[in-house]
Amino acid sequence: MYTKSKLAQTVQLKTNDDRVILELSEFELLGSSFKCTVTLSSRGFGFHGAVYFDNPKKFLSDLEIMNSTMIGSAELKEDYNDHFLKFELNHLGHLIVSACFVEYSEHSQNLAVEFKTDQTCLPSFLEDLKLVLV
């Protein structure tokens, strides 16, 4: 059954760098997908807009594995679109966050960013996101 819920929560990746912001807010749960507003700023590059993502359960599962094993990756994307938000733990214990957002029009735009933060910000992000998506 198709269900739609709107949630006002904001989920923030609490990094140790004031020049980096990642927030997901204004969630609309749409069955096996969801829409949210992504606010991303990385050393002067930024994106703020509504984005659809598929397979939130897999993303949460992959984040939980990363959190417990300190290895791996998790990716949010829409099955038939080019944008994504990816978390990856490297061998040094850093959380690498990469993202790409594409807008197709007569004058298309593409923003790709990547930043590094400490793995200690992962547990609170995961728990806050689970409160919204589970």
Protein backbone atom coordinates (compact mmCIF):
# COMPACT_ATOMS: atom_id res chain seq x y z
CA MET A 1 0.00 0.00 0.00
CA TYR A 2 1.24 3.48 -0.87
CA THR A 3 1.62 5.68 2.19
CA LYS A 4 2.70 9.25 2.44
CA SER A 5 3.82 10.97 5.63
CA LYS A 6 5.36 14.38 6.13
CA LEU A 7 7.86 14.79 8.94
CA ALA A 8 9.39 18.03 10.16
CA GLN A 9 12.55 16.54 11.68
CA THR A 10 16.01 17.64 10.64
CA VAL A 11 18.85 15.11 10.55
CA GLN A 12 22.30 16.66 10.65
CA LEU A 13 25.73 15.13 10.19
CA LYS A 14 27.57 16.76 13.08
CA THR A 15 31.06 17.19 11.65
CA ASN A 16 34.11 18.66 13.33
CA ASP A 17 34.53 21.22 10.54
CA ASP A 18 32.56 24.49 10.51
CA ARG A 19 33.04 24.71 6.73
CA VAL A 20 31.01 21.53 6.15
CA ILE A 21 27.24 21.16 6.60
CA LEU A 22 25.00 18.24 5.70
CA GLU A 23 21.34 18.34 6.71
CA LEU A 24 18.33 16.35 5.59
CA SER A 25 14.96 17.91 6.46
CA GLU A 26 11.28 18.18 5.47
CA PHE A 27 10.91 14.44 4.94
CA GLU A 28 8.06 12.94 2.93
CA LEU A 29 7.92 9.17 3.28
CA LEU A 30 6.60 7.55 0.10
CA GLY A 31 6.55 3.80 0.72
CA SER A 32 9.90 2.41 -0.42
CA SER A 33 11.29 5.87 -1.20
CA PHE A 34 11.32 9.31 0.34
CA LYS A 35 11.73 12.95 -0.53
CA CYS A 36 13.67 15.39 1.62
CA THR A 37 15.36 18.74 1.45
CA VAL A 38 19.13 18.39 1.30
CA THR A 39 21.27 21.25 2.55
CA LEU A 40 24.93 20.69 1.79
CA SER A 41 27.84 23.07 2.05
CA SER A 42 31.45 22.02 1.61
CA ARG A 43 34.16 24.68 1.68
CA GLY A 44 32.18 27.16 -0.40
CA PHE A 45 30.29 24.77 -2.66
CA GLY A 46 26.65 24.25 -1.80
CA PHE A 47 23.32 22.72 -2.66
CA HIS A 48 19.87 23.27 -1.17
CA GLY A 49 16.91 21.54 -2.72
CA ALA A 50 14.31 18.80 -2.65
CA VAL A 51 15.59 15.35 -3.65
CA TYR A 52 13.98 11.92 -4.00
CA PHE A 53 15.85 8.85 -2.76
CA ASP A 54 14.99 5.14 -3.10
CA ASN A 55 15.79 2.19 -0.83
CA PRO A 56 16.15 3.90 2.57
CA LYS A 57 16.12 0.50 4.34
CA LYS A 58 19.26 -0.63 2.49
CA PHE A 59 20.96 2.68 3.25
CA LEU A 60 20.16 2.35 6.96
CA SER A 61 21.30 -1.29 6.98
CA ASP A 62 24.59 -0.36 5.30
CA LEU A 63 25.12 2.51 7.76
CA GLU A 64 24.53 0.13 10.68
CA ILE A 65 27.12 -2.29 9.29
CA MET A 66 29.59 0.58 8.83
CA ASN A 67 28.94 1.78 12.36
CA SER A 68 29.57 -1.63 13.91
CA THR A 69 32.48 -2.82 11.72
CA MET A 70 34.15 0.52 10.91
CA ILE A 71 34.41 -0.45 7.24
CA GLY A 72 32.15 -0.21 4.21
CA SER A 73 29.95 2.25 2.40
CA ALA A 74 26.32 3.30 2.14
CA GLU A 75 24.68 5.19 -0.69
CA LEU A 76 21.39 7.02 -1.10
CA LYS A 77 20.26 7.49 -4.68
CA GLU A 78 17.19 7.48 -6.85
CA ASP A 79 17.00 4.45 -9.12
CA TYR A 80 16.41 6.40 -12.33
CA ASN A 81 18.33 9.59 -11.68
CA ASP A 82 21.96 10.69 -11.36
CA HIS A 83 22.08 12.28 -7.92
CA PHE A 84 23.51 10.47 -4.90
CA LEU A 85 24.75 10.87 -1.36
CA LYS A 86 27.43 8.38 -0.31
CA PHE A 87 29.17 7.64 2.99
CA GLU A 88 32.36 5.58 3.04
CA LEU A 89 34.73 4.68 5.88
CA ASN A 90 38.36 4.50 4.81
CA HIS A 91 41.18 2.48 6.37
CA LEU A 92 42.28 5.48 8.47
CA GLY A 93 38.90 5.74 10.21
CA HIS A 94 37.74 8.78 8.29
CA LEU A 95 34.20 9.13 7.04
CA ILE A 96 34.28 10.27 3.41
CA VAL A 97 31.04 11.90 2.29
CA SER A 98 30.51 12.41 -1.43
CA ALA A 99 27.49 13.76 -3.24
CA CYS A 100 26.39 14.71 -6.71
CA PHE A 101 23.30 16.70 -7.63
CA VAL A 102 22.21 17.25 -11.21
CA GLU A 103 19.53 19.55 -12.61
CA TYR A 104 18.56 18.99 -16.22
CA SER A 105 17.22 21.93 -18.21
CA GLU A 106 18.17 24.09 -21.16
CA HIS A 107 21.17 25.15 -19.05
CA SER A 108 21.82 22.06 -16.95
CA GLN A 109 23.82 22.18 -13.73
CA ASN A 110 25.94 19.62 -11.93
CA LEU A 111 27.45 19.85 -8.44
CA ALA A 112 29.81 17.21 -7.08
CA VAL A 113 31.38 17.50 -3.64
CA GLU A 114 33.44 15.33 -1.34
CA PHE A 115 34.64 15.94 2.19
CA LYS A 116 36.28 14.05 5.02
CA THR A 117 35.18 14.00 8.64
CA ASP A 118 35.68 11.81 11.67
CA GLN A 119 33.83 8.49 12.01
CA THR A 120 32.53 9.57 15.44
CA CYS A 121 29.80 11.65 13.77
CA LEU A 122 28.25 8.52 12.20
CA PRO A 123 26.38 7.05 15.24
CA SER A 124 24.29 10.16 15.98
CA PHE A 125 23.47 10.67 12.29
CA LEU A 126 22.38 7.03 12.02
CA GLU A 127 20.20 7.16 15.14
CA ASP A 128 18.53 10.42 14.09
CA LEU A 129 17.87 9.10 10.59
CA LYS A 130 16.36 5.88 11.96
CA LEU A 131 13.88 7.97 13.99
CA VAL A 132 12.61 9.44 10.72
CA LEU A 133 12.79 6.51 8.30
CA VAL A 134 11.88 3.51 10.47
